[in-house]
PDB file of N, CA and C in Angstrom:
ATOM      1  N   MET A   1      33.069 -11.587  18.093  1.00  0.00           N
ATOM      2  CA  MET A   1      32.695 -10.393  17.380  1.00  0.00           C
ATOM      3  C   MET A   1      32.002  -9.416  18.320  1.00  0.00           C
ATOM      4  N   PRO A   2      32.668  -8.354  18.702  1.00  0.00           N
ATOM      5  CA  PRO A   2      32.009  -7.375  19.564  1.00  0.00           C
ATOM      6  C   PRO A   2      31.023  -6.513  18.764  1.00  0.00           C
ATOM      7  N   ASN A   3      29.958  -6.113  19.426  1.00  0.00           N
ATOM      8  CA  ASN A   3      28.987  -5.234  18.794  1.00  0.00           C
ATOM      9  C   ASN A   3      29.572  -3.827  18.724  1.00  0.00           C
ATOM     10  N   ILE A   4      29.231  -3.094  17.685  1.00  0.00           N
ATOM     11  CA  ILE A   4      29.709  -1.731  17.490  1.00  0.00           C
ATOM     12  C   ILE A   4      28.492  -0.812  17.490  1.00  0.00           C
ATOM     13  N   TYR A   5      28.478   0.134  18.405  1.00  0.00           N
ATOM     14  CA  TYR A   5      27.346   1.053  18.527  1.00  0.00           C
ATOM     15  C   TYR A   5      27.603   2.321  17.725  1.00  0.00           C
ATOM     16  N   PHE A   6      26.508   2.945  17.260  1.00  0.00           N
ATOM     17  CA  PHE A   6      26.603   4.201  16.524  1.00  0.00           C
ATOM     18  C   PHE A   6      25.358   5.036  16.787  1.00  0.00           C
ATOM     19  N   PRO A   7      25.370   6.330  16.388  1.00  0.00           N
ATOM     20  CA  PRO A   7      24.173   7.164  16.576  1.00  0.00           C
ATOM     21  C   PRO A   7      22.960   6.536  15.886  1.00  0.00           C
ATOM     22  N   SER A   8      21.813   6.661  16.502  1.00  0.00           N
ATOM     23  CA  SER A   8      20.627   5.949  16.025  1.00  0.00           C
ATOM     24  C   SER A   8      20.188   6.353  14.625  1.00  0.00           C
ATOM     25  N   VAL A   9      19.622   5.365  13.943  1.00  0.00           N
ATOM     26  CA  VAL A   9      19.038   5.517  12.611  1.00  0.00           C
ATOM     27  C   VAL A   9      17.647   4.892  12.698  1.00  0.00           C
ATOM     28  N   THR A  10      16.610   5.609  12.277  1.00  0.00           N
ATOM     29  CA  THR A  10      15.256   5.070  12.330  1.00  0.00           C
ATOM     30  C   THR A  10      14.797   4.716  10.927  1.00  0.00           C
ATOM     31  N   VAL A  11      14.341   3.480  10.789  1.00  0.00           N
ATOM     32  CA  VAL A  11      13.887   2.956   9.501  1.00  0.00           C
ATOM     33  C   VAL A  11      12.522   2.306   9.676  1.00  0.00           C
ATOM     34  N   GLU A  12      11.821   2.128   8.565  1.00  0.00           N
ATOM     35  CA  GLU A  12      10.510   1.483   8.587  1.00  0.00           C
ATOM     36  C   GLU A  12      10.670   0.007   8.265  1.00  0.00           C
ATOM     37  N   ALA A  13      10.155  -0.841   9.145  1.00  0.00           N
ATOM     38  CA  ALA A  13      10.245  -2.286   8.948  1.00  0.00           C
ATOM     39  C   ALA A  13       9.271  -2.740   7.870  1.00  0.00           C
ATOM     40  N   ALA A  14       9.694  -3.670   7.033  1.00  0.00           N
ATOM     41  CA  ALA A  14       8.855  -4.165   5.937  1.00  0.00           C
ATOM     42  C   ALA A  14       7.680  -4.992   6.448  1.00  0.00           C
ATOM     43  N   ARG A  15       7.908  -5.753   7.507  1.00  0.00           N
ATOM     44  CA  ARG A  15       6.855  -6.658   7.995  1.00  0.00           C
ATOM     45  C   ARG A  15       5.623  -5.949   8.517  1.00  0.00           C
ATOM     46  N   ASP A  16       5.841  -4.931   9.353  1.00  0.00           N
ATOM     47  CA  ASP A  16       4.700  -4.296   9.995  1.00  0.00           C
ATOM     48  C   ASP A  16       4.598  -2.792   9.737  1.00  0.00           C
ATOM     49  N   GLY A  17       5.545  -2.234   9.008  1.00  0.00           N
ATOM     50  CA  GLY A  17       5.511  -0.816   8.690  1.00  0.00           C
ATOM     51  C   GLY A  17       5.814   0.103   9.859  1.00  0.00           C
ATOM     52  N   LYS A  18       6.224  -0.467  10.981  1.00  0.00           N
ATOM     53  CA  LYS A  18       6.511   0.327  12.174  1.00  0.00           C
ATOM     54  C   LYS A  18       7.964   0.802  12.165  1.00  0.00           C
ATOM     55  N   PRO A  19       8.213   1.949  12.793  1.00  0.00           N
ATOM     56  CA  PRO A  19       9.588   2.440  12.880  1.00  0.00           C
ATOM     57  C   PRO A  19      10.445   1.535  13.758  1.00  0.00           C
ATOM     58  N   ARG A  20      11.675   1.366  13.346  1.00  0.00           N
ATOM     59  CA  ARG A  20      12.661   0.633  14.137  1.00  0.00           C
ATOM     60  C   ARG A  20      13.887   1.513  14.287  1.00  0.00           C
ATOM     61  N   THR A  21      14.367   1.626  15.490  1.00  0.00           N
ATOM     62  CA  THR A  21      15.559   2.414  15.755  1.00  0.00           C
ATOM     63  C   THR A  21      16.753   1.476  15.831  1.00  0.00           C
ATOM     64  N   ILE A  22      17.718   1.725  14.982  1.00  0.00           N
ATOM     65  CA  ILE A  22      18.923   0.900  14.883  1.00  0.00           C
ATOM     66  C   ILE A  22      20.063   1.672  15.528  1.00  0.00           C
ATOM     67  N   THR A  23      20.734   1.053  16.506  1.00  0.00           N
ATOM     68  CA  THR A  23      21.807   1.745  17.226  1.00  0.00           C
ATOM     69  C   THR A  23      23.133   0.991  17.213  1.00  0.00           C
ATOM     70  N   SER A  24      23.203  -0.098  16.454  1.00  0.00           N
ATOM     71  CA  SER A  24      24.452  -0.852  16.427  1.00  0.00           C
ATOM     72  C   SER A  24      24.571  -1.633  15.131  1.00  0.00           C
ATOM     73  N   VAL A  25      25.767  -2.090  14.865  1.00  0.00           N
ATOM     74  CA  VAL A  25      26.010  -2.884  13.658  1.00  0.00           C
ATOM     75  C   VAL A  25      25.240  -4.201  13.722  1.00  0.00           C
ATOM     76  N   LEU A  26      25.195  -4.847  14.890  1.00  0.00           N
ATOM     77  CA  LEU A  26      24.444  -6.103  14.998  1.00  0.00           C
ATOM     78  C   LEU A  26      22.955  -5.892  14.736  1.00  0.00           C
ATOM     79  N   GLN A  27      22.393  -4.800  15.236  1.00  0.00           N
ATOM     80  CA  GLN A  27      20.989  -4.501  14.953  1.00  0.00           C
ATOM     81  C   GLN A  27      20.785  -4.236  13.465  1.00  0.00           C
ATOM     82  N   ALA A  28      21.735  -3.565  12.843  1.00  0.00           N
ATOM     83  CA  ALA A  28      21.643  -3.292  11.405  1.00  0.00           C
ATOM     84  C   ALA A  28      21.656  -4.588  10.608  1.00  0.00           C
ATOM     85  N   VAL A  29      22.547  -5.504  10.967  1.00  0.00           N
ATOM     86  CA  VAL A  29      22.607  -6.802  10.278  1.00  0.00           C
ATOM     87  C   VAL A  29      21.289  -7.552  10.443  1.00  0.00           C
ATOM     88  N   ASP A  30      20.770  -7.582  11.668  1.00  0.00           N
ATOM     89  CA  ASP A  30      19.499  -8.261  11.922  1.00  0.00           C
ATOM     90  C   ASP A  30      18.377  -7.638  11.094  1.00  0.00           C
ATOM     91  N   PHE A  31      18.327  -6.309  11.044  1.00  0.00           N
ATOM     92  CA  PHE A  31      17.295  -5.640  10.268  1.00  0.00           C
ATOM     93  C   PHE A  31      17.455  -5.953   8.777  1.00  0.00           C
ATOM     94  N   LEU A  32      18.675  -5.896   8.291  1.00  0.00           N
ATOM     95  CA  LEU A  32      18.928  -6.190   6.871  1.00  0.00           C
ATOM     96  C   LEU A  32      18.481  -7.608   6.510  1.00  0.00           C
ATOM     97  N   MET A  33      18.722  -8.544   7.385  1.00  0.00           N
ATOM     98  CA  MET A  33      18.396  -9.948   7.097  1.00  0.00           C
ATOM     99  C   MET A  33      16.915 -10.278   7.296  1.00  0.00           C
ATOM    100  N   ASN A  34      16.253  -9.588   8.225  1.00  0.00           N
ATOM    101  CA  ASN A  34      14.904 -10.009   8.607  1.00  0.00           C
ATOM    102  C   ASN A  34      13.782  -9.017   8.332  1.00  0.00           C
ATOM    103  N   ASP A  35      14.079  -7.732   8.222  1.00  0.00           N
ATOM    104  CA  ASP A  35      13.019  -6.737   8.104  1.00  0.00           C
ATOM    105  C   ASP A  35      13.147  -5.821   6.889  1.00  0.00           C
ATOM    106  N   TRP A  36      14.127  -6.060   6.055  1.00  0.00           N
ATOM    107  CA  TRP A  36      14.324  -5.221   4.877  1.00  0.00           C
ATOM    108  C   TRP A  36      13.230  -5.519   3.851  1.00  0.00           C
ATOM    109  N   PRO A  37      12.799  -4.517   3.088  1.00  0.00           N
ATOM    110  CA  PRO A  37      11.790  -4.765   2.047  1.00  0.00           C
ATOM    111  C   PRO A  37      12.277  -5.823   1.051  1.00  0.00           C
ATOM    112  N   PRO A  38      11.347  -6.565   0.451  1.00  0.00           N
ATOM    113  CA  PRO A  38      11.740  -7.647  -0.455  1.00  0.00           C
ATOM    114  C   PRO A  38      12.444  -7.181  -1.720  1.00  0.00           C
ATOM    115  N   ASN A  39      12.193  -5.949  -2.153  1.00  0.00           N
ATOM    116  CA  ASN A  39      12.854  -5.434  -3.350  1.00  0.00           C
ATOM    117  C   ASN A  39      14.257  -4.952  -2.968  1.00  0.00           C
ATOM    118  N   ARG A  40      15.211  -5.855  -3.008  1.00  0.00           N
ATOM    119  CA  ARG A  40      16.575  -5.559  -2.545  1.00  0.00           C
ATOM    120  C   ARG A  40      17.443  -5.129  -3.718  1.00  0.00           C
ATOM    121  N   ARG A  41      17.878  -3.895  -3.648  1.00  0.00           N
ATOM    122  CA  ARG A  41      18.682  -3.319  -4.706  1.00  0.00           C
ATOM    123  C   ARG A  41      20.164  -3.428  -4.366  1.00  0.00           C
ATOM    124  N   ARG A  42      20.997  -2.877  -5.226  1.00  0.00           N
ATOM    125  CA  ARG A  42      22.453  -2.987  -5.078  1.00  0.00           C
ATOM    126  C   ARG A  42      22.939  -2.440  -3.736  1.00  0.00           C
ATOM    127  N   LEU A  43      22.389  -1.325  -3.283  1.00  0.00           N
ATOM    128  CA  LEU A  43      22.856  -0.737  -2.028  1.00  0.00           C
ATOM    129  C   LEU A  43      22.530  -1.611  -0.817  1.00  0.00           C
ATOM    130  N   TYR A  44      21.501  -2.435  -0.929  1.00  0.00           N
ATOM    131  CA  TYR A  44      21.206  -3.391   0.144  1.00  0.00           C
ATOM    132  C   TYR A  44      22.409  -4.315   0.350  1.00  0.00           C
ATOM    133  N   GLY A  45      22.906  -4.878  -0.728  1.00  0.00           N
ATOM    134  CA  GLY A  45      24.054  -5.783  -0.647  1.00  0.00           C
ATOM    135  C   GLY A  45      25.297  -5.084  -0.111  1.00  0.00           C
ATOM    136  N   LEU A  46      25.486  -3.842  -0.518  1.00  0.00           N
ATOM    137  CA  LEU A  46      26.635  -3.087  -0.021  1.00  0.00           C
ATOM    138  C   LEU A  46      26.503  -2.818   1.473  1.00  0.00           C
ATOM    139  N   ALA A  47      25.290  -2.502   1.924  1.00  0.00           N
ATOM    140  CA  ALA A  47      25.077  -2.253   3.354  1.00  0.00           C
ATOM    141  C   ALA A  47      25.300  -3.519   4.167  1.00  0.00           C
ATOM    142  N   ARG A  48      24.776  -4.622   3.689  1.00  0.00           N
ATOM    143  CA  ARG A  48      24.963  -5.893   4.401  1.00  0.00           C
ATOM    144  C   ARG A  48      26.455  -6.225   4.509  1.00  0.00           C
ATOM    145  N   GLN A  49      27.175  -6.075   3.407  1.00  0.00           N
ATOM    146  CA  GLN A  49      28.607  -6.381   3.425  1.00  0.00           C
ATOM    147  C   GLN A  49      29.369  -5.404   4.321  1.00  0.00           C
ATOM    148  N   ALA A  50      28.999  -4.131   4.284  1.00  0.00           N
ATOM    149  CA  ALA A  50      29.674  -3.139   5.133  1.00  0.00           C
ATOM    150  C   ALA A  50      29.488  -3.465   6.613  1.00  0.00           C
ATOM    151  N   CYS A  51      28.285  -3.864   6.977  1.00  0.00           N
ATOM    152  CA  CYS A  51      28.033  -4.213   8.380  1.00  0.00           C
ATOM    153  C   CYS A  51      28.816  -5.457   8.792  1.00  0.00           C
ATOM    154  N   LEU A  52      28.843  -6.449   7.924  1.00  0.00           N
ATOM    155  CA  LEU A  52      29.622  -7.652   8.230  1.00  0.00           C
ATOM    156  C   LEU A  52      31.110  -7.334   8.311  1.00  0.00           C
ATOM    157  N   ASP A  53      31.590  -6.471   7.420  1.00  0.00           N
ATOM    158  CA  ASP A  53      32.996  -6.054   7.465  1.00  0.00           C
ATOM    159  C   ASP A  53      33.307  -5.307   8.760  1.00  0.00           C
ATOM    160  N   ALA A  54      32.367  -4.481   9.226  1.00  0.00           N
ATOM    161  CA  ALA A  54      32.583  -3.756  10.481  1.00  0.00           C
ATOM    162  C   ALA A  54      32.680  -4.731  11.653  1.00  0.00           C
ATOM    163  N   LEU A  55      31.836  -5.756  11.645  1.00  0.00           N
ATOM    164  CA  LEU A  55      31.896  -6.750  12.723  1.00  0.00           C
ATOM    165  C   LEU A  55      33.220  -7.507  12.723  1.00  0.00           C
ATOM    166  N   GLU A  56      33.820  -7.645  11.549  1.00  0.00           N
ATOM    167  CA  GLU A  56      35.117  -8.318  11.448  1.00  0.00           C
ATOM    168  C   GLU A  56      36.286  -7.378  11.697  1.00  0.00           C
ATOM    169  N   GLY A  57      35.992  -6.089  11.900  1.00  0.00           N
ATOM    170  CA  GLY A  57      37.047  -5.126  12.176  1.00  0.00           C
ATOM    171  C   GLY A  57      37.655  -4.486  10.946  1.00  0.00           C
ATOM    172  N   ASN A  58      37.047  -4.690   9.789  1.00  0.00           N
ATOM    173  CA  ASN A  58      37.592  -4.140   8.546  1.00  0.00           C
ATOM    174  C   ASN A  58      37.010  -2.780   8.170  1.00  0.00           C
ATOM    175  N   LEU A  59      35.944  -2.357   8.813  1.00  0.00           N
ATOM    176  CA  LEU A  59      35.349  -1.032   8.643  1.00  0.00           C
ATOM    177  C   LEU A  59      34.961  -0.519  10.015  1.00  0.00           C
ATOM    178  N   THR A  60      34.808   0.788  10.121  1.00  0.00           N
ATOM    179  CA  THR A  60      34.345   1.364  11.388  1.00  0.00           C
ATOM    180  C   THR A  60      32.820   1.306  11.447  1.00  0.00           C
ATOM    181  N   GLY A  61      32.287   1.487  12.629  1.00  0.00           N
ATOM    182  CA  GLY A  61      30.847   1.566  12.780  1.00  0.00           C
ATOM    183  C   GLY A  61      30.265   2.749  12.018  1.00  0.00           C
ATOM    184  N   ALA A  62      30.997   3.859  11.991  1.00  0.00           N
ATOM    185  CA  ALA A  62      30.539   5.048  11.264  1.00  0.00           C
ATOM    186  C   ALA A  62      30.447   4.768   9.765  1.00  0.00           C
ATOM    187  N   GLU A  63      31.398   4.026   9.240  1.00  0.00           N
ATOM    188  CA  GLU A  63      31.367   3.685   7.812  1.00  0.00           C
ATOM    189  C   GLU A  63      30.191   2.769   7.505  1.00  0.00           C
ATOM    190  N   ALA A  64      29.981   1.762   8.341  1.00  0.00           N
ATOM    191  CA  ALA A  64      28.852   0.843   8.141  1.00  0.00           C
ATOM    192  C   ALA A  64      27.530   1.595   8.256  1.00  0.00           C
ATOM    193  N   ARG A  65      27.425   2.495   9.215  1.00  0.00           N
ATOM    194  CA  ARG A  65      26.211   3.292   9.400  1.00  0.00           C
ATOM    195  C   ARG A  65      25.926   4.132   8.156  1.00  0.00           C
ATOM    196  N   ALA A  66      26.944   4.750   7.596  1.00  0.00           N
ATOM    197  CA  ALA A  66      26.761   5.599   6.412  1.00  0.00           C
ATOM    198  C   ALA A  66      26.222   4.797   5.234  1.00  0.00           C
ATOM    199  N   VAL A  67      26.741   3.596   5.029  1.00  0.00           N
ATOM    200  CA  VAL A  67      26.261   2.755   3.928  1.00  0.00           C
ATOM    201  C   VAL A  67      24.844   2.265   4.214  1.00  0.00           C
ATOM    202  N   PHE A  68      24.551   1.933   5.479  1.00  0.00           N
ATOM    203  CA  PHE A  68      23.205   1.526   5.867  1.00  0.00           C
ATOM    204  C   PHE A  68      22.210   2.652   5.575  1.00  0.00           C
ATOM    205  N   ILE A  69      22.570   3.879   5.919  1.00  0.00           N
ATOM    206  CA  ILE A  69      21.697   5.026   5.653  1.00  0.00           C
ATOM    207  C   ILE A  69      21.467   5.212   4.161  1.00  0.00           C
ATOM    208  N   ASP A  70      22.522   5.110   3.365  1.00  0.00           N
ATOM    209  CA  ASP A  70      22.370   5.235   1.909  1.00  0.00           C
ATOM    210  C   ASP A  70      21.411   4.181   1.363  1.00  0.00           C
ATOM    211  N   ALA A  71      21.542   2.956   1.854  1.00  0.00           N
ATOM    212  CA  ALA A  71      20.668   1.872   1.392  1.00  0.00           C
ATOM    213  C   ALA A  71      19.229   2.119   1.838  1.00  0.00           C
ATOM    214  N   ALA A  72      19.049   2.615   3.056  1.00  0.00           N
ATOM    215  CA  ALA A  72      17.698   2.905   3.556  1.00  0.00           C
ATOM    216  C   ALA A  72      17.047   4.022   2.753  1.00  0.00           C
ATOM    217  N   LYS A  73      17.821   5.042   2.394  1.00  0.00           N
ATOM    218  CA  LYS A  73      17.293   6.107   1.536  1.00  0.00           C
ATOM    219  C   LYS A  73      16.876   5.531   0.188  1.00  0.00           C
ATOM    220  N   ASP A  74      17.733   4.695  -0.377  1.00  0.00           N
ATOM    221  CA  ASP A  74      17.463   4.087  -1.680  1.00  0.00           C
ATOM    222  C   ASP A  74      16.193   3.234  -1.644  1.00  0.00           C
ATOM    223  N   ALA A  75      15.955   2.563  -0.519  1.00  0.00           N
ATOM    224  CA  ALA A  75      14.771   1.714  -0.359  1.00  0.00           C
ATOM    225  C   ALA A  75      13.549   2.501   0.124  1.00  0.00           C
ATOM    226  N   ASN A  76      13.722   3.793   0.365  1.00  0.00           N
ATOM    227  CA  ASN A  76      12.654   4.670   0.845  1.00  0.00           C
ATOM    228  C   ASN A  76      12.080   4.208   2.197  1.00  0.00           C
ATOM    229  N   ILE A  77      12.977   3.786   3.085  1.00  0.00           N
ATOM    230  CA  ILE A  77      12.546   3.370   4.423  1.00  0.00           C
ATOM    231  C   ILE A  77      13.204   4.185   5.529  1.00  0.00           C
ATOM    232  N   LEU A  78      14.075   5.135   5.171  1.00  0.00           N
ATOM    233  CA  LEU A  78      14.699   5.979   6.179  1.00  0.00           C
ATOM    234  C   LEU A  78      13.650   6.928   6.724  1.00  0.00           C
ATOM    235  N   MET A  79      13.569   7.030   8.038  1.00  0.00           N
ATOM    236  CA  MET A  79      12.550   7.867   8.674  1.00  0.00           C
ATOM    237  C   MET A  79      13.212   9.004   9.447  1.00  0.00           C
ATOM    238  N   ASP A  80      12.486  10.093   9.557  1.00  0.00           N
ATOM    239  CA  ASP A  80      12.916  11.247  10.309  1.00  0.00           C
ATOM    240  C   ASP A  80      11.771  11.648  11.220  1.00  0.00           C
ATOM    241  N   TYR A  81      11.929  11.408  12.526  1.00  0.00           N
ATOM    242  CA  TYR A  81      10.890  11.733  13.500  1.00  0.00           C
ATOM    243  C   TYR A  81       9.552  11.066  13.151  1.00  0.00           C
ATOM    244  N   GLY A  82       9.612   9.793  12.776  1.00  0.00           N
ATOM    245  CA  GLY A  82       8.404   9.030  12.521  1.00  0.00           C
ATOM    246  C   GLY A  82       7.825   9.169  11.125  1.00  0.00           C
ATOM    247  N   ARG A  83       8.472   9.952  10.286  1.00  0.00           N
ATOM    248  CA  ARG A  83       8.006  10.124   8.902  1.00  0.00           C
ATOM    249  C   ARG A  83       9.107   9.714   7.951  1.00  0.00           C
ATOM    250  N   LYS A  84       8.709   9.202   6.784  1.00  0.00           N
ATOM    251  CA  LYS A  84       9.705   8.874   5.760  1.00  0.00           C
ATOM    252  C   LYS A  84      10.314  10.145   5.223  1.00  0.00           C
ATOM    253  N   ARG A  85      11.581  10.043   4.890  1.00  0.00           N
ATOM    254  CA  ARG A  85      12.271  11.173   4.269  1.00  0.00           C
ATOM    255  C   ARG A  85      12.062  11.152   2.783  1.00  0.00           C
TER     256      ARG A  85
END
């Protein structure tokens, strides 16, 4: 499974509240599994599946990134220049 890189997305980690910059599908999967807030809504599951599908070659990195961003917005962890959006 090759890693797929995409333009960076900055999110707030649940564990320490610090910003994390995500630049690839593998980083997104790791963040979803280990640093996502405990209140996981429907878009969380869609983002996780989209990232896994991208790693399998069934979606592009851009598609996985878009779903990850939607889920981060829904969870209120998407950041813009160090601040939540």
